[in-house]
Protein backbone atom coordinates (compact mmCIF):
# COMPACT_ATOMS: atom_id res chain seq x y z
CA MET A 1 -2.10 -6.72 31.83
CA SER A 2 -3.86 -3.99 33.78
CA THR A 3 -6.92 -2.14 32.55
CA SER A 4 -4.94 1.11 32.16
CA GLN A 5 -2.30 -0.68 30.07
CA GLN A 6 -5.03 -2.14 27.87
CA LEU A 7 -6.58 1.32 27.45
CA THR A 8 -3.19 2.83 26.61
CA GLU A 9 -2.51 0.15 23.98
CA ALA A 10 -5.99 0.57 22.50
CA VAL A 11 -5.51 4.33 22.20
CA GLN A 12 -2.07 3.84 20.63
CA GLN A 13 -3.59 1.44 18.09
CA GLN A 14 -6.20 4.07 17.20
CA ILE A 15 -3.44 6.60 16.55
CA ILE A 16 -1.49 4.11 14.43
CA GLN A 17 -4.63 3.36 12.40
CA ARG A 18 -5.29 7.09 11.97
CA VAL A 19 -1.71 7.66 10.74
CA HIS A 20 -2.16 4.82 8.22
CA ALA A 21 -5.47 6.30 7.09
CA CYS A 22 -3.90 9.77 6.65
CA ILE A 23 -1.03 8.32 4.62
CA ALA A 24 -3.49 6.37 2.45
CA LEU A 25 -5.62 9.49 1.96
CA ALA A 26 -2.59 11.56 0.95
CA SER A 27 -1.46 8.83 -1.43
CA HIS A 28 -4.90 8.72 -3.04
CA ARG A 29 -5.50 12.47 -3.27
CA LEU A 30 -1.97 13.27 -4.49
CA ASN A 31 -1.74 10.21 -6.76
CA ARG A 32 1.60 9.23 -5.22
CA GLN A 33 2.57 6.45 -2.82
CA PHE A 34 3.98 7.45 0.57
CA GLU A 35 5.63 5.00 2.95
CA LEU A 36 4.19 4.42 6.38
CA PRO A 37 6.29 6.23 8.97
CA SER A 38 7.70 4.82 12.17
CA ILE A 39 5.42 5.79 15.05
CA ARG A 40 6.60 6.31 18.60
CA PHE A 41 4.86 7.50 21.75
CA ASN A 42 7.89 9.07 23.39
CA GLN A 43 7.42 12.79 22.73
CA ARG A 44 8.13 14.68 25.93
CA GLY A 45 7.30 18.07 27.34
CA LYS A 46 4.46 20.29 26.18
CA ILE A 47 4.63 19.22 22.55
CA ALA A 48 1.69 17.08 21.38
CA GLY A 49 3.54 15.54 18.47
CA SER A 50 6.48 15.95 16.15
CA ALA A 51 7.56 14.76 12.72
CA ARG A 52 11.16 13.66 12.17
CA LEU A 53 11.47 14.34 8.48
CA GLN A 54 14.75 12.65 7.53
CA SER A 55 13.99 9.49 9.51
CA TRP A 56 10.31 9.50 8.42
CA GLU A 57 9.11 9.15 11.99
CA LEU A 58 6.22 10.51 14.02
CA ARG A 59 6.36 10.98 17.77
CA PHE A 60 3.36 11.55 20.00
CA ASN A 61 3.11 12.66 23.62
CA LEU A 62 1.36 9.77 25.36
CA THR A 63 0.22 11.81 28.36
CA LEU A 64 -1.40 14.50 26.20
CA LEU A 65 -2.80 11.80 23.91
CA LEU A 66 -4.56 9.99 26.73
CA GLU A 67 -6.02 13.28 27.98
CA ASN A 68 -7.06 14.58 24.53
CA GLN A 69 -7.75 11.55 22.37
CA PRO A 70 -10.42 13.05 20.04
CA ALA A 71 -8.28 16.10 19.26
CA PHE A 72 -5.30 13.88 18.51
CA LEU A 73 -7.31 11.82 16.04
CA ASP A 74 -8.91 14.86 14.40
CA ASP A 75 -6.04 17.36 14.38
CA VAL A 76 -2.67 16.28 15.79
CA VAL A 77 -2.22 13.19 13.60
CA PRO A 78 -3.10 14.98 10.31
CA HIS A 79 -0.92 17.93 11.39
CA GLU A 80 2.14 15.71 11.87
CA VAL A 81 1.49 13.55 8.80
CA ALA A 82 1.18 16.77 6.77
CA HIS A 83 4.74 17.65 7.78
CA LEU A 84 5.99 14.35 6.34
CA ILE A 85 3.96 14.70 3.15
CA THR A 86 5.13 18.29 2.69
CA TYR A 87 8.75 17.20 3.11
CA ALA A 88 8.31 14.36 0.59
CA LEU A 89 6.79 16.72 -1.98
CA TYR A 90 8.78 19.93 -1.49
CA GLY A 91 11.89 19.10 0.53
CA LYS A 92 12.88 21.44 3.33
CA VAL A 93 10.44 24.35 3.54
CA ARG A 94 9.05 26.48 6.37
CA PRO A 95 7.44 24.09 8.91
CA HIS A 96 4.00 25.74 8.79
CA GLY A 97 4.43 27.52 5.49
CA LYS A 98 2.15 27.69 2.48
CA GLU A 99 3.05 24.17 1.29
CA TRP A 100 2.13 22.60 4.64
CA GLN A 101 -1.03 24.69 4.83
CA GLN A 102 -2.03 23.47 1.35
CA ILE A 103 -1.64 19.85 2.49
CA MET A 104 -3.71 20.47 5.62
CA LEU A 105 -6.52 22.16 3.70
CA GLY A 106 -6.40 20.33 0.38
CA VAL A 107 -5.61 16.78 1.48
CA PHE A 108 -6.83 16.48 5.06
CA LYS A 109 -9.55 19.17 4.99
CA ARG A 110 -8.39 20.38 8.41
CA PRO A 111 -7.63 23.94 9.54
CA PRO A 112 -3.87 24.60 9.43
CA THR A 113 -3.47 25.46 13.10
CA THR A 114 0.08 25.45 14.41
CA THR A 115 -0.40 25.05 18.16
CA HIS A 116 -2.64 23.11 20.48
CA ASN A 117 -4.54 24.44 23.48
CA PHE A 118 -4.38 21.34 25.67
CA ASN A 119 -4.06 21.55 29.42
CA ILE A 120 -0.34 20.97 29.98
CA THR A 121 -0.37 20.73 33.77
CA ASN A 122 0.62 17.05 33.76
CA VAL A 123 3.56 17.51 31.36
CA GLN A 124 4.82 20.98 32.22
CA GLY A 125 7.61 20.27 34.67
CA GLN A 126 9.03 22.49 37.34
CA LEU A 127 8.89 26.27 36.89
CA PHE A 128 11.18 28.91 38.41
CA SER A 129 10.09 32.42 39.37
CA TYR A 130 11.96 35.38 37.90
CA GLN A 131 11.10 39.04 38.15
CA CYS A 132 11.57 42.24 36.20
CA GLN A 133 10.46 45.75 37.11
CA CYS A 134 6.83 45.15 36.17
CA GLN A 135 5.84 41.53 36.80
CA LEU A 136 6.67 37.97 37.83
CA HIS A 137 7.73 35.47 35.12
CA GLN A 138 7.88 31.67 35.19
CA LEU A 139 10.83 30.03 33.44
CA THR A 140 11.16 26.36 32.57
CA ILE A 141 13.98 24.35 34.09
CA ARG A 142 15.86 24.48 30.77
CA ARG A 143 15.80 28.29 30.69
CA HIS A 144 16.54 28.50 34.41
CA ARG A 145 19.66 26.36 33.99
CA LYS A 146 20.87 28.51 31.09
CA VAL A 147 20.57 31.58 33.29
CA GLN A 148 22.38 29.82 36.14
CA ARG A 149 25.26 28.82 33.84
CA GLY A 150 25.52 32.39 32.54
CA GLU A 151 24.73 31.34 28.96
CA VAL A 152 21.81 33.69 28.48
CA ARG A 153 19.96 36.65 29.98
CA TYR A 154 16.24 37.01 29.42
CA ARG A 155 14.47 40.37 29.19
CA CYS A 156 10.85 41.25 29.84
CA ARG A 157 8.95 42.00 26.65
CA ASP A 158 6.98 44.74 28.40
CA CYS A 159 9.53 46.77 30.36
CA GLY A 160 12.78 45.52 28.78
CA THR A 161 14.63 44.85 32.03
CA THR A 162 16.67 41.71 32.62
CA LEU A 163 14.89 38.95 34.52
CA THR A 164 16.42 38.04 37.87
CA PRO A 165 15.63 35.10 40.17
CA SER A 166 12.76 35.92 42.49
CA SER A 167 12.45 35.07 46.15
CA ASP A 168 8.87 34.06 45.31
CA THR A 169 9.29 30.42 44.27
CA ARG A 170 5.59 29.65 43.81
CA GLN A 171 4.51 27.87 40.67
CA PRO A 172 1.32 29.13 39.02
């Protein structure tokens, strides 16, 4: 096994241990037993992590994890576990609503932030240039394909004109 594979497995084990610790903490503080979730490292794109509520599963973005390990341990893991705990206690509610915020603050003692600020260069994917009357916009491949298939038209939030493909194909 290579050194990078060993490092990756060690980091994954730290995340698994942190998930277990968060579940144990929630069980203790809420005086209720919660099952350990399935944990996968197959989250793709710009998302750091996600909670699959019905299947009681957590997914983490391995690339972002390896680049931002301390933030994952401190914030991303409790954030995602809080989604599961919120679902177990309240059922389907707003993803970052008051119930989730109460779990973040009351159980995990973490700020209830809803987005990360990680560098996403290594997970971003190809971008496509579109223009309006006032500026150049970068669309993801998913949005670009929707435009190409005629499924959707995007408008600039500033000038309100429809975005059209640009001859400038540079990525930022």
